[in-house]
Amino acid sequence: MPQKDPCQKQACEIQKCLQANKYVESMCEDVIREMRRCCETHAGNSICCSGFKDSKPPEDKSRNSLL
């Protein structure tokens, strides 16, 4: 029996959040952040992380405006 994907829970949470918020990504930043954390730990063992491997979180524009 195949092992469960270690980041599947986070991937499902992203889908639920996006659907609930009409696909406005900014409303789901917390769950997306959790997925990134999971992928940092389990990238080699998670098919769900294939789209997160090379993606980077958007820059924090509020921090840049203070510089």
PDB file of N, CA and C in Angstrom:
ATOM      1  N   MET A   1       0.838  -1.186   0.000  1.00  0.00           N
ATOM      2  CA  MET A   1       0.000   0.000   0.000  1.00  0.00           C
ATOM      3  C   MET A   1       0.885   1.252   0.000  1.00  0.00           C
ATOM      4  N   PRO A   2       0.646   2.200  -0.911  1.00  0.00           N
ATOM      5  CA  PRO A   2       1.495   3.398  -0.967  1.00  0.00           C
ATOM      6  C   PRO A   2       1.358   4.249   0.294  1.00  0.00           C
ATOM      7  N   GLN A   3       2.474   4.890   0.627  1.00  0.00           N
ATOM      8  CA  GLN A   3       2.464   5.788   1.791  1.00  0.00           C
ATOM      9  C   GLN A   3       1.681   7.046   1.482  1.00  0.00           C
ATOM     10  N   LYS A   4       1.055   7.606   2.503  1.00  0.00           N
ATOM     11  CA  LYS A   4       0.324   8.865   2.341  1.00  0.00           C
ATOM     12  C   LYS A   4       1.333  10.007   2.146  1.00  0.00           C
ATOM     13  N   ASP A   5       1.018  10.908   1.255  1.00  0.00           N
ATOM     14  CA  ASP A   5       1.881  12.064   1.002  1.00  0.00           C
ATOM     15  C   ASP A   5       1.961  12.909   2.267  1.00  0.00           C
ATOM     16  N   PRO A   6       3.167  13.219   2.751  1.00  0.00           N
ATOM     17  CA  PRO A   6       3.298  13.963   4.006  1.00  0.00           C
ATOM     18  C   PRO A   6       2.738  15.383   3.961  1.00  0.00           C
ATOM     19  N   CYS A   7       2.565  15.948   2.772  1.00  0.00           N
ATOM     20  CA  CYS A   7       2.060  17.318   2.663  1.00  0.00           C
ATOM     21  C   CYS A   7       0.653  17.374   2.058  1.00  0.00           C
ATOM     22  N   GLN A   8       0.009  16.228   1.946  1.00  0.00           N
ATOM     23  CA  GLN A   8      -1.328  16.202   1.359  1.00  0.00           C
ATOM     24  C   GLN A   8      -2.320  17.011   2.186  1.00  0.00           C
ATOM     25  N   LYS A   9      -2.224  16.928   3.494  1.00  0.00           N
ATOM     26  CA  LYS A   9      -3.145  17.669   4.359  1.00  0.00           C
ATOM     27  C   LYS A   9      -3.055  19.172   4.066  1.00  0.00           C
ATOM     28  N   GLN A  10      -1.825  19.683   3.978  1.00  0.00           N
ATOM     29  CA  GLN A  10      -1.639  21.110   3.714  1.00  0.00           C
ATOM     30  C   GLN A  10      -2.140  21.487   2.320  1.00  0.00           C
ATOM     31  N   ALA A  11      -1.917  20.612   1.347  1.00  0.00           N
ATOM     32  CA  ALA A  11      -2.395  20.876  -0.015  1.00  0.00           C
ATOM     33  C   ALA A  11      -3.920  20.957  -0.035  1.00  0.00           C
ATOM     34  N   CYS A  12      -4.574  20.062   0.693  1.00  0.00           N
ATOM     35  CA  CYS A  12      -6.044  20.088   0.762  1.00  0.00           C
ATOM     36  C   CYS A  12      -6.537  21.342   1.482  1.00  0.00           C
ATOM     37  N   GLU A  13      -5.813  21.756   2.504  1.00  0.00           N
ATOM     38  CA  GLU A  13      -6.192  22.977   3.233  1.00  0.00           C
ATOM     39  C   GLU A  13      -6.101  24.202   2.327  1.00  0.00           C
ATOM     40  N   ILE A  14      -5.098  24.234   1.455  1.00  0.00           N
ATOM     41  CA  ILE A  14      -4.977  25.345   0.502  1.00  0.00           C
ATOM     42  C   ILE A  14      -6.179  25.361  -0.422  1.00  0.00           C
ATOM     43  N   GLN A  15      -6.546  24.203  -0.955  1.00  0.00           N
ATOM     44  CA  GLN A  15      -7.696  24.133  -1.860  1.00  0.00           C
ATOM     45  C   GLN A  15      -8.979  24.569  -1.169  1.00  0.00           C
ATOM     46  N   LYS A  16      -9.185  24.104   0.051  1.00  0.00           N
ATOM     47  CA  LYS A  16     -10.393  24.498   0.795  1.00  0.00           C
ATOM     48  C   LYS A  16     -10.416  26.001   1.039  1.00  0.00           C
ATOM     49  N   CYS A  17      -9.278  26.549   1.434  1.00  0.00           N
ATOM     50  CA  CYS A  17      -9.198  27.980   1.720  1.00  0.00           C
ATOM     51  C   CYS A  17      -9.452  28.801   0.455  1.00  0.00           C
ATOM     52  N   LEU A  18      -8.807  28.422  -0.633  1.00  0.00           N
ATOM     53  CA  LEU A  18      -8.990  29.162  -1.883  1.00  0.00           C
ATOM     54  C   LEU A  18     -10.440  29.116  -2.346  1.00  0.00           C
ATOM     55  N   GLN A  19     -11.062  27.953  -2.256  1.00  0.00           N
ATOM     56  CA  GLN A  19     -12.464  27.845  -2.661  1.00  0.00           C
ATOM     57  C   GLN A  19     -13.358  28.705  -1.779  1.00  0.00           C
ATOM     58  N   ALA A  20     -13.085  28.699  -0.490  1.00  0.00           N
ATOM     59  CA  ALA A  20     -13.904  29.470   0.450  1.00  0.00           C
ATOM     60  C   ALA A  20     -13.724  30.973   0.276  1.00  0.00           C
ATOM     61  N   ASN A  21     -12.579  31.378  -0.274  1.00  0.00           N
ATOM     62  CA  ASN A  21     -12.261  32.802  -0.415  1.00  0.00           C
ATOM     63  C   ASN A  21     -12.210  33.258  -1.868  1.00  0.00           C
ATOM     64  N   LYS A  22     -12.937  32.554  -2.731  1.00  0.00           N
ATOM     65  CA  LYS A  22     -13.044  32.907  -4.156  1.00  0.00           C
ATOM     66  C   LYS A  22     -11.686  33.069  -4.823  1.00  0.00           C
ATOM     67  N   TYR A  23     -10.757  32.203  -4.429  1.00  0.00           N
ATOM     68  CA  TYR A  23      -9.424  32.111  -5.026  1.00  0.00           C
ATOM     69  C   TYR A  23      -8.589  33.388  -4.868  1.00  0.00           C
ATOM     70  N   VAL A  24      -8.803  34.098  -3.773  1.00  0.00           N
ATOM     71  CA  VAL A  24      -7.983  35.259  -3.444  1.00  0.00           C
ATOM     72  C   VAL A  24      -6.835  34.744  -2.567  1.00  0.00           C
ATOM     73  N   GLU A  25      -5.650  34.597  -3.179  1.00  0.00           N
ATOM     74  CA  GLU A  25      -4.515  33.990  -2.486  1.00  0.00           C
ATOM     75  C   GLU A  25      -4.134  34.714  -1.202  1.00  0.00           C
ATOM     76  N   SER A  26      -4.272  36.018  -1.184  1.00  0.00           N
ATOM     77  CA  SER A  26      -3.879  36.777   0.008  1.00  0.00           C
ATOM     78  C   SER A  26      -4.702  36.381   1.238  1.00  0.00           C
ATOM     79  N   MET A  27      -5.877  35.818   1.022  1.00  0.00           N
ATOM     80  CA  MET A  27      -6.719  35.376   2.131  1.00  0.00           C
ATOM     81  C   MET A  27      -6.241  34.040   2.706  1.00  0.00           C
ATOM     82  N   CYS A  28      -5.320  33.394   2.023  1.00  0.00           N
ATOM     83  CA  CYS A  28      -4.871  32.052   2.416  1.00  0.00           C
ATOM     84  C   CYS A  28      -3.368  32.006   2.704  1.00  0.00           C
ATOM     85  N   GLU A  29      -2.781  33.136   3.019  1.00  0.00           N
ATOM     86  CA  GLU A  29      -1.338  33.181   3.219  1.00  0.00           C
ATOM     87  C   GLU A  29      -0.856  32.226   4.305  1.00  0.00           C
ATOM     88  N   ASP A  30      -1.624  32.082   5.376  1.00  0.00           N
ATOM     89  CA  ASP A  30      -1.208  31.200   6.468  1.00  0.00           C
ATOM     90  C   ASP A  30      -1.127  29.743   6.023  1.00  0.00           C
ATOM     91  N   VAL A  31      -2.141  29.269   5.302  1.00  0.00           N
ATOM     92  CA  VAL A  31      -2.118  27.870   4.875  1.00  0.00           C
ATOM     93  C   VAL A  31      -1.068  27.638   3.794  1.00  0.00           C
ATOM     94  N   ILE A  32      -0.831  28.633   2.961  1.00  0.00           N
ATOM     95  CA  ILE A  32       0.225  28.530   1.949  1.00  0.00           C
ATOM     96  C   ILE A  32       1.588  28.478   2.639  1.00  0.00           C
ATOM     97  N   ARG A  33       1.758  29.278   3.673  1.00  0.00           N
ATOM     98  CA  ARG A  33       3.008  29.270   4.442  1.00  0.00           C
ATOM     99  C   ARG A  33       3.247  27.892   5.074  1.00  0.00           C
ATOM    100  N   GLU A  34       2.194  27.280   5.587  1.00  0.00           N
ATOM    101  CA  GLU A  34       2.316  25.933   6.176  1.00  0.00           C
ATOM    102  C   GLU A  34       2.721  24.909   5.114  1.00  0.00           C
ATOM    103  N   MET A  35       2.192  25.056   3.914  1.00  0.00           N
ATOM    104  CA  MET A  35       2.553  24.153   2.816  1.00  0.00           C
ATOM    105  C   MET A  35       4.028  24.329   2.472  1.00  0.00           C
ATOM    106  N   ARG A  36       4.496  25.559   2.420  1.00  0.00           N
ATOM    107  CA  ARG A  36       5.916  25.801   2.130  1.00  0.00           C
ATOM    108  C   ARG A  36       6.804  25.154   3.192  1.00  0.00           C
ATOM    109  N   ARG A  37       6.405  25.282   4.459  1.00  0.00           N
ATOM    110  CA  ARG A  37       7.176  24.658   5.541  1.00  0.00           C
ATOM    111  C   ARG A  37       7.230  23.143   5.376  1.00  0.00           C
ATOM    112  N   CYS A  38       6.087  22.569   5.061  1.00  0.00           N
ATOM    113  CA  CYS A  38       6.027  21.126   4.866  1.00  0.00           C
ATOM    114  C   CYS A  38       6.932  20.716   3.700  1.00  0.00           C
ATOM    115  N   CYS A  39       6.879  21.469   2.633  1.00  0.00           N
ATOM    116  CA  CYS A  39       7.687  21.139   1.457  1.00  0.00           C
ATOM    117  C   CYS A  39       9.184  21.309   1.715  1.00  0.00           C
ATOM    118  N   GLU A  40       9.548  22.245   2.561  1.00  0.00           N
ATOM    119  CA  GLU A  40      10.964  22.398   2.911  1.00  0.00           C
ATOM    120  C   GLU A  40      11.467  21.132   3.598  1.00  0.00           C
ATOM    121  N   THR A  41      10.598  20.520   4.382  1.00  0.00           N
ATOM    122  CA  THR A  41      10.965  19.324   5.135  1.00  0.00           C
ATOM    123  C   THR A  41      10.836  18.052   4.309  1.00  0.00           C
ATOM    124  N   HIS A  42       9.798  17.974   3.462  1.00  0.00           N
ATOM    125  CA  HIS A  42       9.458  16.716   2.791  1.00  0.00           C
ATOM    126  C   HIS A  42       9.499  16.781   1.264  1.00  0.00           C
ATOM    127  N   ALA A  43      10.186  17.736   0.687  1.00  0.00           N
ATOM    128  CA  ALA A  43      10.150  17.930  -0.771  1.00  0.00           C
ATOM    129  C   ALA A  43      10.457  16.648  -1.544  1.00  0.00           C
ATOM    130  N   GLY A  44      11.408  15.873  -1.100  1.00  0.00           N
ATOM    131  CA  GLY A  44      11.776  14.650  -1.817  1.00  0.00           C
ATOM    132  C   GLY A  44      10.756  13.543  -1.690  1.00  0.00           C
ATOM    133  N   ASN A  45       9.885  13.627  -0.709  1.00  0.00           N
ATOM    134  CA  ASN A  45       8.907  12.565  -0.451  1.00  0.00           C
ATOM    135  C   ASN A  45       7.475  12.978  -0.737  1.00  0.00           C
ATOM    136  N   SER A  46       7.259  14.168  -1.282  1.00  0.00           N
ATOM    137  CA  SER A  46       5.892  14.669  -1.464  1.00  0.00           C
ATOM    138  C   SER A  46       5.633  15.089  -2.902  1.00  0.00           C
ATOM    139  N   ILE A  47       4.719  14.400  -3.545  1.00  0.00           N
ATOM    140  CA  ILE A  47       4.312  14.790  -4.896  1.00  0.00           C
ATOM    141  C   ILE A  47       3.554  16.113  -4.856  1.00  0.00           C
ATOM    142  N   CYS A  48       2.902  16.392  -3.735  1.00  0.00           N
ATOM    143  CA  CYS A  48       2.153  17.644  -3.585  1.00  0.00           C
ATOM    144  C   CYS A  48       3.072  18.860  -3.645  1.00  0.00           C
ATOM    145  N   CYS A  49       4.351  18.673  -3.364  1.00  0.00           N
ATOM    146  CA  CYS A  49       5.291  19.794  -3.335  1.00  0.00           C
ATOM    147  C   CYS A  49       5.881  20.108  -4.702  1.00  0.00           C
ATOM    148  N   SER A  50       5.528  19.348  -5.718  1.00  0.00           N
ATOM    149  CA  SER A  50       6.152  19.557  -7.025  1.00  0.00           C
ATOM    150  C   SER A  50       5.971  20.986  -7.534  1.00  0.00           C
ATOM    151  N   GLY A  51       4.873  21.624  -7.244  1.00  0.00           N
ATOM    152  CA  GLY A  51       4.651  23.005  -7.680  1.00  0.00           C
ATOM    153  C   GLY A  51       5.237  24.039  -6.748  1.00  0.00           C
ATOM    154  N   PHE A  52       5.685  23.607  -5.577  1.00  0.00           N
ATOM    155  CA  PHE A  52       6.235  24.537  -4.601  1.00  0.00           C
ATOM    156  C   PHE A  52       7.755  24.538  -4.585  1.00  0.00           C
ATOM    157  N   LYS A  53       8.376  23.560  -5.199  1.00  0.00           N
ATOM    158  CA  LYS A  53       9.837  23.427  -5.139  1.00  0.00           C
ATOM    159  C   LYS A  53      10.563  24.699  -5.540  1.00  0.00           C
ATOM    160  N   ASP A  54      10.201  25.235  -6.695  1.00  0.00           N
ATOM    161  CA  ASP A  54      10.930  26.387  -7.229  1.00  0.00           C
ATOM    162  C   ASP A  54      10.232  27.709  -6.989  1.00  0.00           C
ATOM    163  N   SER A  55       9.022  27.652  -6.455  1.00  0.00           N
ATOM    164  CA  SER A  55       8.308  28.903  -6.224  1.00  0.00           C
ATOM    165  C   SER A  55       8.800  29.547  -4.941  1.00  0.00           C
ATOM    166  N   LYS A  56       8.815  30.849  -4.939  1.00  0.00           N
ATOM    167  CA  LYS A  56       9.242  31.600  -3.761  1.00  0.00           C
ATOM    168  C   LYS A  56       8.078  32.448  -3.286  1.00  0.00           C
ATOM    169  N   PRO A  57       8.003  32.668  -1.981  1.00  0.00           N
ATOM    170  CA  PRO A  57       6.912  33.514  -1.494  1.00  0.00           C
ATOM    171  C   PRO A  57       7.070  34.936  -2.032  1.00  0.00           C
ATOM    172  N   PRO A  58       5.978  35.650  -2.231  1.00  0.00           N
ATOM    173  CA  PRO A  58       6.078  37.029  -2.708  1.00  0.00           C
ATOM    174  C   PRO A  58       6.814  37.890  -1.693  1.00  0.00           C
ATOM    175  N   GLU A  59       7.480  38.893  -2.206  1.00  0.00           N
ATOM    176  CA  GLU A  59       8.213  39.794  -1.314  1.00  0.00           C
ATOM    177  C   GLU A  59       7.263  40.551  -0.413  1.00  0.00           C
ATOM    178  N   ASP A  60       7.724  40.831   0.773  1.00  0.00           N
ATOM    179  CA  ASP A  60       6.938  41.635   1.714  1.00  0.00           C
ATOM    180  C   ASP A  60       7.146  43.096   1.352  1.00  0.00           C
ATOM    181  N   LYS A  61       6.208  43.664   0.638  1.00  0.00           N
ATOM    182  CA  LYS A  61       6.343  45.038   0.146  1.00  0.00           C
ATOM    183  C   LYS A  61       6.352  46.057   1.275  1.00  0.00           C
ATOM    184  N   SER A  62       5.684  45.759   2.370  1.00  0.00           N
ATOM    185  CA  SER A  62       5.647  46.715   3.480  1.00  0.00           C
ATOM    186  C   SER A  62       7.030  46.880   4.098  1.00  0.00           C
ATOM    187  N   ARG A  63       7.801  45.796   4.132  1.00  0.00           N
ATOM    188  CA  ARG A  63       9.164  45.890   4.675  1.00  0.00           C
ATOM    189  C   ARG A  63      10.059  46.678   3.742  1.00  0.00           C
ATOM    190  N   ASN A  64       9.917  46.464   2.437  1.00  0.00           N
ATOM    191  CA  ASN A  64      10.764  47.167   1.475  1.00  0.00           C
ATOM    192  C   ASN A  64      10.503  48.673   1.475  1.00  0.00           C
ATOM    193  N   SER A  65       9.286  49.063   1.768  1.00  0.00           N
ATOM    194  CA  SER A  65       8.979  50.494   1.736  1.00  0.00           C
ATOM    195  C   SER A  65       9.618  51.240   2.894  1.00  0.00           C
ATOM    196  N   LEU A  66      10.032  50.500   3.925  1.00  0.00           N
ATOM    197  CA  LEU A  66      10.666  51.137   5.075  1.00  0.00           C
ATOM    198  C   LEU A  66      12.164  51.340   4.855  1.00  0.00           C
ATOM    199  N   LEU A  67      12.713  50.678   3.839  1.00  0.00           N
ATOM    200  CA  LEU A  67      14.160  50.790   3.605  1.00  0.00           C
ATOM    201  C   LEU A  67      14.516  52.025   2.833  1.00  0.00           C
TER     202      LEU A  67
END
